[in-house]
Amino acid sequence: MSQKMNCHRCSKQFLVIDQEESFLGDRGWPLPTQCPDCRQARRMALRNPRKLCKTTCNSCQQEIIVTFERKEGDTVYCKEHYLKWLDGSDHLL
């Protein structure tokens, strides 16, 4: 039967459903102590912050926006040229 638990972080009540309890128990993992919102916030805090940066495509010099700060020597393509590059190469070798 599903369990009602209180979040250790925000004290909000949340439900641990039977399937989740079974999944965690089969692996020997403990039940969550934080609500889904606090767990998601914890995961998001571990990610690198998103920063939009303007740069230019190495192929056509079109201005594009990327989600990382470009470093010297980086090759960056616009969507069109990236797809051409992707189709023209075997990247698994």
PDB file of N, CA and C in Angstrom:
ATOM      1  N   MET A   1       0.837  -1.185   0.000  1.00  0.00           N
ATOM      2  CA  MET A   1       0.000   0.000   0.000  1.00  0.00           C
ATOM      3  C   MET A   1       0.881   1.247   0.000  1.00  0.00           C
ATOM      4  N   SER A   2       0.475   2.277  -0.720  1.00  0.00           N
ATOM      5  CA  SER A   2       1.248   3.514  -0.821  1.00  0.00           C
ATOM      6  C   SER A   2       1.462   4.143   0.552  1.00  0.00           C
ATOM      7  N   GLN A   3       2.616   4.775   0.699  1.00  0.00           N
ATOM      8  CA  GLN A   3       2.966   5.402   1.981  1.00  0.00           C
ATOM      9  C   GLN A   3       2.952   6.917   1.854  1.00  0.00           C
ATOM     10  N   LYS A   4       2.387   7.582   2.853  1.00  0.00           N
ATOM     11  CA  LYS A   4       2.473   9.035   2.934  1.00  0.00           C
ATOM     12  C   LYS A   4       3.688   9.358   3.791  1.00  0.00           C
ATOM     13  N   MET A   5       4.518  10.256   3.266  1.00  0.00           N
ATOM     14  CA  MET A   5       5.729  10.637   3.988  1.00  0.00           C
ATOM     15  C   MET A   5       5.822  12.159   4.028  1.00  0.00           C
ATOM     16  N   ASN A   6       6.611  12.667   4.964  1.00  0.00           N
ATOM     17  CA  ASN A   6       6.853  14.104   5.051  1.00  0.00           C
ATOM     18  C   ASN A   6       8.271  14.392   4.596  1.00  0.00           C
ATOM     19  N   CYS A   7       8.400  15.414   3.764  1.00  0.00           N
ATOM     20  CA  CYS A   7       9.702  15.810   3.240  1.00  0.00           C
ATOM     21  C   CYS A   7      10.568  16.366   4.364  1.00  0.00           C
ATOM     22  N   HIS A   8      11.805  15.896   4.439  1.00  0.00           N
ATOM     23  CA  HIS A   8      12.740  16.390   5.464  1.00  0.00           C
ATOM     24  C   HIS A   8      13.207  17.809   5.178  1.00  0.00           C
ATOM     25  N   ARG A   9      13.047  18.245   3.946  1.00  0.00           N
ATOM     26  CA  ARG A   9      13.531  19.577   3.571  1.00  0.00           C
ATOM     27  C   ARG A   9      12.448  20.650   3.732  1.00  0.00           C
ATOM     28  N   CYS A  10      11.241  20.379   3.176  1.00  0.00           N
ATOM     29  CA  CYS A  10      10.198  21.417   3.184  1.00  0.00           C
ATOM     30  C   CYS A  10       8.970  21.035   4.012  1.00  0.00           C
ATOM     31  N   SER A  11       8.961  19.838   4.580  1.00  0.00           N
ATOM     32  CA  SER A  11       7.881  19.317   5.414  1.00  0.00           C
ATOM     33  C   SER A  11       6.584  19.044   4.658  1.00  0.00           C
ATOM     34  N   LYS A  12       6.605  19.174   3.349  1.00  0.00           N
ATOM     35  CA  LYS A  12       5.416  18.879   2.547  1.00  0.00           C
ATOM     36  C   LYS A  12       5.181  17.374   2.533  1.00  0.00           C
ATOM     37  N   GLN A  13       3.916  16.972   2.578  1.00  0.00           N
ATOM     38  CA  GLN A  13       3.588  15.556   2.527  1.00  0.00           C
ATOM     39  C   GLN A  13       3.616  15.073   1.075  1.00  0.00           C
ATOM     40  N   PHE A  14       4.171  13.879   0.855  1.00  0.00           N
ATOM     41  CA  PHE A  14       4.199  13.304  -0.481  1.00  0.00           C
ATOM     42  C   PHE A  14       3.924  11.810  -0.392  1.00  0.00           C
ATOM     43  N   LEU A  15       3.592  11.212  -1.503  1.00  0.00           N
ATOM     44  CA  LEU A  15       3.200   9.818  -1.559  1.00  0.00           C
ATOM     45  C   LEU A  15       4.270   8.991  -2.247  1.00  0.00           C
ATOM     46  N   VAL A  16       4.631   7.871  -1.639  1.00  0.00           N
ATOM     47  CA  VAL A  16       5.515   6.892  -2.267  1.00  0.00           C
ATOM     48  C   VAL A  16       4.605   5.752  -2.703  1.00  0.00           C
ATOM     49  N   ILE A  17       4.435   5.606  -4.032  1.00  0.00           N
ATOM     50  CA  ILE A  17       3.514   4.591  -4.530  1.00  0.00           C
ATOM     51  C   ILE A  17       4.139   3.199  -4.454  1.00  0.00           C
ATOM     52  N   ASP A  18       3.291   2.183  -4.518  1.00  0.00           N
ATOM     53  CA  ASP A  18       3.745   0.799  -4.383  1.00  0.00           C
ATOM     54  C   ASP A  18       4.835   0.450  -5.389  1.00  0.00           C
ATOM     55  N   GLN A  19       4.673   0.877  -6.646  1.00  0.00           N
ATOM     56  CA  GLN A  19       5.660   0.552  -7.676  1.00  0.00           C
ATOM     57  C   GLN A  19       7.024   1.165  -7.346  1.00  0.00           C
ATOM     58  N   GLU A  20       7.021   2.379  -6.828  1.00  0.00           N
ATOM     59  CA  GLU A  20       8.285   3.027  -6.466  1.00  0.00           C
ATOM     60  C   GLU A  20       8.927   2.303  -5.288  1.00  0.00           C
ATOM     61  N   GLU A  21       8.116   1.951  -4.317  1.00  0.00           N
ATOM     62  CA  GLU A  21       8.627   1.244  -3.145  1.00  0.00           C
ATOM     63  C   GLU A  21       9.210  -0.114  -3.551  1.00  0.00           C
ATOM     64  N   SER A  22       8.538  -0.814  -4.451  1.00  0.00           N
ATOM     65  CA  SER A  22       9.017  -2.103  -4.932  1.00  0.00           C
ATOM     66  C   SER A  22      10.321  -1.946  -5.712  1.00  0.00           C
ATOM     67  N   PHE A  23      10.372  -0.949  -6.596  1.00  0.00           N
ATOM     68  CA  PHE A  23      11.569  -0.680  -7.399  1.00  0.00           C
ATOM     69  C   PHE A  23      12.772  -0.416  -6.496  1.00  0.00           C
ATOM     70  N   LEU A  24      12.590   0.456  -5.512  1.00  0.00           N
ATOM     71  CA  LEU A  24      13.695   0.803  -4.612  1.00  0.00           C
ATOM     72  C   LEU A  24      14.081  -0.389  -3.740  1.00  0.00           C
ATOM     73  N   GLY A  25      13.082  -1.099  -3.235  1.00  0.00           N
ATOM     74  CA  GLY A  25      13.335  -2.247  -2.374  1.00  0.00           C
ATOM     75  C   GLY A  25      14.080  -3.353  -3.085  1.00  0.00           C
ATOM     76  N   ASP A  26      13.743  -3.612  -4.355  1.00  0.00           N
ATOM     77  CA  ASP A  26      14.422  -4.651  -5.135  1.00  0.00           C
ATOM     78  C   ASP A  26      15.908  -4.370  -5.284  1.00  0.00           C
ATOM     79  N   ARG A  27      16.270  -3.119  -5.252  1.00  0.00           N
ATOM     80  CA  ARG A  27      17.669  -2.728  -5.424  1.00  0.00           C
ATOM     81  C   ARG A  27      18.370  -2.459  -4.093  1.00  0.00           C
ATOM     82  N   GLY A  28      17.626  -2.584  -3.006  1.00  0.00           N
ATOM     83  CA  GLY A  28      18.215  -2.334  -1.691  1.00  0.00           C
ATOM     84  C   GLY A  28      18.416  -0.858  -1.396  1.00  0.00           C
ATOM     85  N   TRP A  29      17.674  -0.009  -2.098  1.00  0.00           N
ATOM     86  CA  TRP A  29      17.786   1.443  -1.904  1.00  0.00           C
ATOM     87  C   TRP A  29      16.740   1.916  -0.903  1.00  0.00           C
ATOM     88  N   PRO A  30      17.053   2.966  -0.155  1.00  0.00           N
ATOM     89  CA  PRO A  30      16.088   3.472   0.830  1.00  0.00           C
ATOM     90  C   PRO A  30      14.959   4.258   0.151  1.00  0.00           C
ATOM     91  N   LEU A  31      13.875   4.402   0.889  1.00  0.00           N
ATOM     92  CA  LEU A  31      12.781   5.238   0.403  1.00  0.00           C
ATOM     93  C   LEU A  31      13.227   6.692   0.402  1.00  0.00           C
ATOM     94  N   PRO A  32      12.670   7.513  -0.477  1.00  0.00           N
ATOM     95  CA  PRO A  32      13.067   8.924  -0.512  1.00  0.00           C
ATOM     96  C   PRO A  32      12.675   9.641   0.773  1.00  0.00           C
ATOM     97  N   THR A  33      13.490  10.598   1.154  1.00  0.00           N
ATOM     98  CA  THR A  33      13.192  11.405   2.339  1.00  0.00           C
ATOM     99  C   THR A  33      12.769  12.813   1.947  1.00  0.00           C
ATOM    100  N   GLN A  34      12.839  13.112   0.654  1.00  0.00           N
ATOM    101  CA  GLN A  34      12.425  14.426   0.164  1.00  0.00           C
ATOM    102  C   GLN A  34      11.299  14.256  -0.848  1.00  0.00           C
ATOM    103  N   CYS A  35      10.443  15.264  -0.936  1.00  0.00           N
ATOM    104  CA  CYS A  35       9.335  15.245  -1.884  1.00  0.00           C
ATOM    105  C   CYS A  35       9.882  15.357  -3.315  1.00  0.00           C
ATOM    106  N   PRO A  36       9.085  15.011  -4.316  1.00  0.00           N
ATOM    107  CA  PRO A  36       9.566  15.097  -5.700  1.00  0.00           C
ATOM    108  C   PRO A  36      10.075  16.490  -6.087  1.00  0.00           C
ATOM    109  N   ASP A  37       9.432  17.546  -5.607  1.00  0.00           N
ATOM    110  CA  ASP A  37       9.891  18.901  -5.942  1.00  0.00           C
ATOM    111  C   ASP A  37      11.283  19.183  -5.375  1.00  0.00           C
ATOM    112  N   CYS A  38      11.524  18.781  -4.139  1.00  0.00           N
ATOM    113  CA  CYS A  38      12.841  19.016  -3.530  1.00  0.00           C
ATOM    114  C   CYS A  38      13.908  18.136  -4.173  1.00  0.00           C
ATOM    115  N   ARG A  39      13.541  16.900  -4.572  1.00  0.00           N
ATOM    116  CA  ARG A  39      14.493  16.040  -5.268  1.00  0.00           C
ATOM    117  C   ARG A  39      14.882  16.645  -6.614  1.00  0.00           C
ATOM    118  N   GLN A  40      13.882  17.186  -7.325  1.00  0.00           N
ATOM    119  CA  GLN A  40      14.166  17.820  -8.618  1.00  0.00           C
ATOM    120  C   GLN A  40      15.045  19.057  -8.429  1.00  0.00           C
ATOM    121  N   ALA A  41      14.752  19.857  -7.409  1.00  0.00           N
ATOM    122  CA  ALA A  41      15.561  21.048  -7.134  1.00  0.00           C
ATOM    123  C   ALA A  41      17.008  20.657  -6.830  1.00  0.00           C
ATOM    124  N   ARG A  42      17.197  19.558  -6.093  1.00  0.00           N
ATOM    125  CA  ARG A  42      18.550  19.074  -5.774  1.00  0.00           C
ATOM    126  C   ARG A  42      19.281  18.655  -7.043  1.00  0.00           C
ATOM    127  N   ARG A  43      18.581  17.932  -7.939  1.00  0.00           N
ATOM    128  CA  ARG A  43      19.210  17.517  -9.194  1.00  0.00           C
ATOM    129  C   ARG A  43      19.580  18.725 -10.046  1.00  0.00           C
ATOM    130  N   MET A  44      18.691  19.700 -10.114  1.00  0.00           N
ATOM    131  CA  MET A  44      18.947  20.885 -10.939  1.00  0.00           C
ATOM    132  C   MET A  44      20.108  21.711 -10.383  1.00  0.00           C
ATOM    133  N   ALA A  45      20.285  21.699  -9.070  1.00  0.00           N
ATOM    134  CA  ALA A  45      21.393  22.449  -8.465  1.00  0.00           C
ATOM    135  C   ALA A  45      22.740  21.848  -8.834  1.00  0.00           C
ATOM    136  N   LEU A  46      22.763  20.570  -9.194  1.00  0.00           N
ATOM    137  CA  LEU A  46      24.017  19.908  -9.559  1.00  0.00           C
ATOM    138  C   LEU A  46      24.419  20.184 -11.003  1.00  0.00           C
ATOM    139  N   ARG A  47      23.491  20.680 -11.800  1.00  0.00           N
ATOM    140  CA  ARG A  47      23.774  20.959 -13.210  1.00  0.00           C
ATOM    141  C   ARG A  47      24.549  22.254 -13.367  1.00  0.00           C
ATOM    142  N   ASN A  48      25.280  22.354 -14.441  1.00  0.00           N
ATOM    143  CA  ASN A  48      25.936  23.613 -14.762  1.00  0.00           C
ATOM    144  C   ASN A  48      24.866  24.640 -15.118  1.00  0.00           C
ATOM    145  N   PRO A  49      25.061  25.876 -14.727  1.00  0.00           N
ATOM    146  CA  PRO A  49      24.058  26.888 -15.061  1.00  0.00           C
ATOM    147  C   PRO A  49      23.990  27.097 -16.575  1.00  0.00           C
ATOM    148  N   ARG A  50      22.791  27.332 -17.058  1.00  0.00           N
ATOM    149  CA  ARG A  50      22.611  27.586 -18.483  1.00  0.00           C
ATOM    150  C   ARG A  50      22.939  29.040 -18.769  1.00  0.00           C
ATOM    151  N   LYS A  51      23.808  29.229 -19.720  1.00  0.00           N
ATOM    152  CA  LYS A  51      24.209  30.575 -20.108  1.00  0.00           C
ATOM    153  C   LYS A  51      24.186  30.623 -21.626  1.00  0.00           C
ATOM    154  N   LEU A  52      23.438  31.563 -22.181  1.00  0.00           N
ATOM    155  CA  LEU A  52      23.373  31.698 -23.631  1.00  0.00           C
ATOM    156  C   LEU A  52      24.467  32.652 -24.094  1.00  0.00           C
ATOM    157  N   CYS A  53      25.184  32.234 -25.121  1.00  0.00           N
ATOM    158  CA  CYS A  53      26.286  33.040 -25.650  1.00  0.00           C
ATOM    159  C   CYS A  53      26.145  33.174 -27.165  1.00  0.00           C
ATOM    160  N   LYS A  54      26.471  34.338 -27.667  1.00  0.00           N
ATOM    161  CA  LYS A  54      26.476  34.558 -29.114  1.00  0.00           C
ATOM    162  C   LYS A  54      27.839  34.178 -29.674  1.00  0.00           C
ATOM    163  N   THR A  55      27.825  33.538 -30.825  1.00  0.00           N
ATOM    164  CA  THR A  55      29.051  33.188 -31.531  1.00  0.00           C
ATOM    165  C   THR A  55      28.721  33.097 -33.014  1.00  0.00           C
ATOM    166  N   THR A  56      29.664  32.666 -33.816  1.00  0.00           N
ATOM    167  CA  THR A  56      29.407  32.533 -35.248  1.00  0.00           C
ATOM    168  C   THR A  56      29.712  31.117 -35.708  1.00  0.00           C
ATOM    169  N   CYS A  57      28.999  30.680 -36.732  1.00  0.00           N
ATOM    170  CA  CYS A  57      29.190  29.373 -37.340  1.00  0.00           C
ATOM    171  C   CYS A  57      30.560  29.344 -38.019  1.00  0.00           C
ATOM    172  N   ASN A  58      31.305  28.285 -37.815  1.00  0.00           N
ATOM    173  CA  ASN A  58      32.620  28.163 -38.447  1.00  0.00           C
ATOM    174  C   ASN A  58      32.524  28.064 -39.961  1.00  0.00           C
ATOM    175  N   SER A  59      31.379  27.620 -40.474  1.00  0.00           N
ATOM    176  CA  SER A  59      31.241  27.414 -41.905  1.00  0.00           C
ATOM    177  C   SER A  59      30.725  28.650 -42.640  1.00  0.00           C
ATOM    178  N   CYS A  60      29.616  29.229 -42.167  1.00  0.00           N
ATOM    179  CA  CYS A  60      28.981  30.325 -42.914  1.00  0.00           C
ATOM    180  C   CYS A  60      29.094  31.684 -42.229  1.00  0.00           C
ATOM    181  N   GLN A  61      29.680  31.720 -41.054  1.00  0.00           N
ATOM    182  CA  GLN A  61      29.870  32.943 -40.278  1.00  0.00           C
ATOM    183  C   GLN A  61      28.545  33.584 -39.819  1.00  0.00           C
ATOM    184  N   GLN A  62      27.453  32.832 -39.892  1.00  0.00           N
ATOM    185  CA  GLN A  62      26.159  33.319 -39.403  1.00  0.00           C
ATOM    186  C   GLN A  62      26.214  33.403 -37.886  1.00  0.00           C
ATOM    187  N   GLU A  63      25.615  34.450 -37.311  1.00  0.00           N
ATOM    188  CA  GLU A  63      25.585  34.571 -35.860  1.00  0.00           C
ATOM    189  C   GLU A  63      24.585  33.565 -35.308  1.00  0.00           C
ATOM    190  N   ILE A  64      25.020  32.821 -34.294  1.00  0.00           N
ATOM    191  CA  ILE A  64      24.161  31.835 -33.645  1.00  0.00           C
ATOM    192  C   ILE A  64      24.267  31.987 -32.137  1.00  0.00           C
ATOM    193  N   ILE A  65      23.334  31.381 -31.428  1.00  0.00           N
ATOM    194  CA  ILE A  65      23.339  31.391 -29.971  1.00  0.00           C
ATOM    195  C   ILE A  65      23.547  29.961 -29.501  1.00  0.00           C
ATOM    196  N   VAL A  66      24.499  29.781 -28.594  1.00  0.00           N
ATOM    197  CA  VAL A  66      24.818  28.466 -28.051  1.00  0.00           C
ATOM    198  C   VAL A  66      24.688  28.497 -26.533  1.00  0.00           C
ATOM    199  N   THR A  67      24.646  27.309 -25.915  1.00  0.00           N
ATOM    200  CA  THR A  67      24.443  27.232 -24.470  1.00  0.00           C
ATOM    201  C   THR A  67      25.748  27.019 -23.702  1.00  0.00           C
ATOM    202  N   PHE A  68      26.844  27.423 -24.285  1.00  0.00           N
ATOM    203  CA  PHE A  68      28.136  27.289 -23.618  1.00  0.00           C
ATOM    204  C   PHE A  68      29.024  28.436 -24.061  1.00  0.00           C
ATOM    205  N   GLU A  69      30.041  28.696 -23.262  1.00  0.00           N
ATOM    206  CA  GLU A  69      30.998  29.726 -23.617  1.00  0.00           C
ATOM    207  C   GLU A  69      32.047  29.112 -24.534  1.00  0.00           C
ATOM    208  N   ARG A  70      32.168  29.653 -25.709  1.00  0.00           N
ATOM    209  CA  ARG A  70      33.092  29.108 -26.711  1.00  0.00           C
ATOM    210  C   ARG A  70      34.532  29.413 -26.329  1.00  0.00           C
ATOM    211  N   LYS A  71      35.370  28.387 -26.453  1.00  0.00           N
ATOM    212  CA  LYS A  71      36.790  28.544 -26.164  1.00  0.00           C
ATOM    213  C   LYS A  71      37.563  28.545 -27.478  1.00  0.00           C
ATOM    214  N   GLU A  72      38.779  29.069 -27.436  1.00  0.00           N
ATOM    215  CA  GLU A  72      39.615  29.104 -28.628  1.00  0.00           C
ATOM    216  C   GLU A  72      39.839  27.684 -29.143  1.00  0.00           C
ATOM    217  N   GLY A  73      39.661  27.501 -30.425  1.00  0.00           N
ATOM    218  CA  GLY A  73      39.852  26.191 -31.030  1.00  0.00           C
ATOM    219  C   GLY A  73      38.568  25.376 -31.157  1.00  0.00           C
ATOM    220  N   ASP A  74      37.480  25.812 -30.518  1.00  0.00           N
ATOM    221  CA  ASP A  74      36.205  25.100 -30.633  1.00  0.00           C
ATOM    222  C   ASP A  74      35.632  25.276 -32.031  1.00  0.00           C
ATOM    223  N   THR A  75      35.098  24.204 -32.578  1.00  0.00           N
ATOM    224  CA  THR A  75      34.392  24.264 -33.843  1.00  0.00           C
ATOM    225  C   THR A  75      32.906  24.263 -33.543  1.00  0.00           C
ATOM    226  N   VAL A  76      32.212  25.287 -34.034  1.00  0.00           N
ATOM    227  CA  VAL A  76      30.783  25.426 -33.774  1.00  0.00           C
ATOM    228  C   VAL A  76      30.088  25.674 -35.097  1.00  0.00           C
ATOM    229  N   TYR A  77      29.004  24.926 -35.331  1.00  0.00           N
ATOM    230  CA  TYR A  77      28.242  25.079 -36.562  1.00  0.00           C
ATOM    231  C   TYR A  77      26.812  25.511 -36.259  1.00  0.00           C
ATOM    232  N   CYS A  78      26.216  26.216 -37.215  1.00  0.00           N
ATOM    233  CA  CYS A  78      24.786  26.492 -37.143  1.00  0.00           C
ATOM    234  C   CYS A  78      24.067  25.165 -37.393  1.00  0.00           C
ATOM    235  N   LYS A  79      22.769  25.139 -37.198  1.00  0.00           N
ATOM    236  CA  LYS A  79      22.021  23.889 -37.341  1.00  0.00           C
ATOM    237  C   LYS A  79      22.195  23.286 -38.737  1.00  0.00           C
ATOM    238  N   GLU A  80      22.090  24.118 -39.756  1.00  0.00           N
ATOM    239  CA  GLU A  80      22.193  23.631 -41.135  1.00  0.00           C
ATOM    240  C   GLU A  80      23.543  22.961 -41.389  1.00  0.00           C
ATOM    241  N   HIS A  81      24.616  23.626 -41.016  1.00  0.00           N
ATOM    242  CA  HIS A  81      25.943  23.075 -41.263  1.00  0.00           C
ATOM    243  C   HIS A  81      26.282  21.915 -40.322  1.00  0.00           C
ATOM    244  N   TYR A  82      25.729  21.929 -39.133  1.00  0.00           N
ATOM    245  CA  TYR A  82      25.933  20.795 -38.233  1.00  0.00           C
ATOM    246  C   TYR A  82      25.301  19.544 -38.833  1.00  0.00           C
ATOM    247  N   LEU A  83      24.077  19.667 -39.371  1.00  0.00           N
ATOM    248  CA  LEU A  83      23.417  18.510 -39.974  1.00  0.00           C
ATOM    249  C   LEU A  83      24.176  18.011 -41.194  1.00  0.00           C
ATOM    250  N   LYS A  84      24.729  18.928 -41.994  1.00  0.00           N
ATOM    251  CA  LYS A  84      25.554  18.510 -43.134  1.00  0.00           C
ATOM    252  C   LYS A  84      26.797  17.769 -42.650  1.00  0.00           C
ATOM    253  N   TRP A  85      27.440  18.290 -41.632  1.00  0.00           N
ATOM    254  CA  TRP A  85      28.619  17.651 -41.056  1.00  0.00           C
ATOM    255  C   TRP A  85      28.261  16.270 -40.507  1.00  0.00           C
ATOM    256  N   LEU A  86      27.133  16.172 -39.816  1.00  0.00           N
ATOM    257  CA  LEU A  86      26.701  14.923 -39.226  1.00  0.00           C
ATOM    258  C   LEU A  86      26.407  13.864 -40.279  1.00  0.00           C
ATOM    259  N   ASP A  87      25.754  14.264 -41.371  1.00  0.00           N
ATOM    260  CA  ASP A  87      25.429  13.326 -42.431  1.00  0.00           C
ATOM    261  C   ASP A  87      26.656  12.887 -43.224  1.00  0.00           C
ATOM    262  N   GLY A  88      27.673  13.715 -43.279  1.00  0.00           N
ATOM    263  CA  GLY A  88      28.821  13.428 -44.110  1.00  0.00           C
ATOM    264  C   GLY A  88      29.942  12.668 -43.459  1.00  0.00           C
ATOM    265  N   SER A  89      29.773  12.248 -42.214  1.00  0.00           N
ATOM    266  CA  SER A  89      30.870  11.597 -41.505  1.00  0.00           C
ATOM    267  C   SER A  89      30.385  10.379 -40.741  1.00  0.00           C
ATOM    268  N   ASP A  90      31.282   9.434 -40.552  1.00  0.00           N
ATOM    269  CA  ASP A  90      30.998   8.307 -39.684  1.00  0.00           C
ATOM    270  C   ASP A  90      31.659   8.611 -38.350  1.00  0.00           C
ATOM    271  N   HIS A  91      30.875   9.051 -37.386  1.00  0.00           N
ATOM    272  CA  HIS A  91      31.414   9.541 -36.113  1.00  0.00           C
ATOM    273  C   HIS A  91      31.675   8.446 -35.110  1.00  0.00           C
ATOM    274  N   LEU A  92      31.389   7.194 -35.483  1.00  0.00           N
ATOM    275  CA  LEU A  92      31.633   6.096 -34.543  1.00  0.00           C
ATOM    276  C   LEU A  92      33.040   5.537 -34.668  1.00  0.00           C
ATOM    277  N   LEU A  93      33.766   5.961 -35.685  1.00  0.00           N
ATOM    278  CA  LEU A  93      35.135   5.469 -35.869  1.00  0.00           C
ATOM    279  C   LEU A  93      36.112   6.252 -35.042  1.00  0.00           C
TER     280      LEU A  93
END
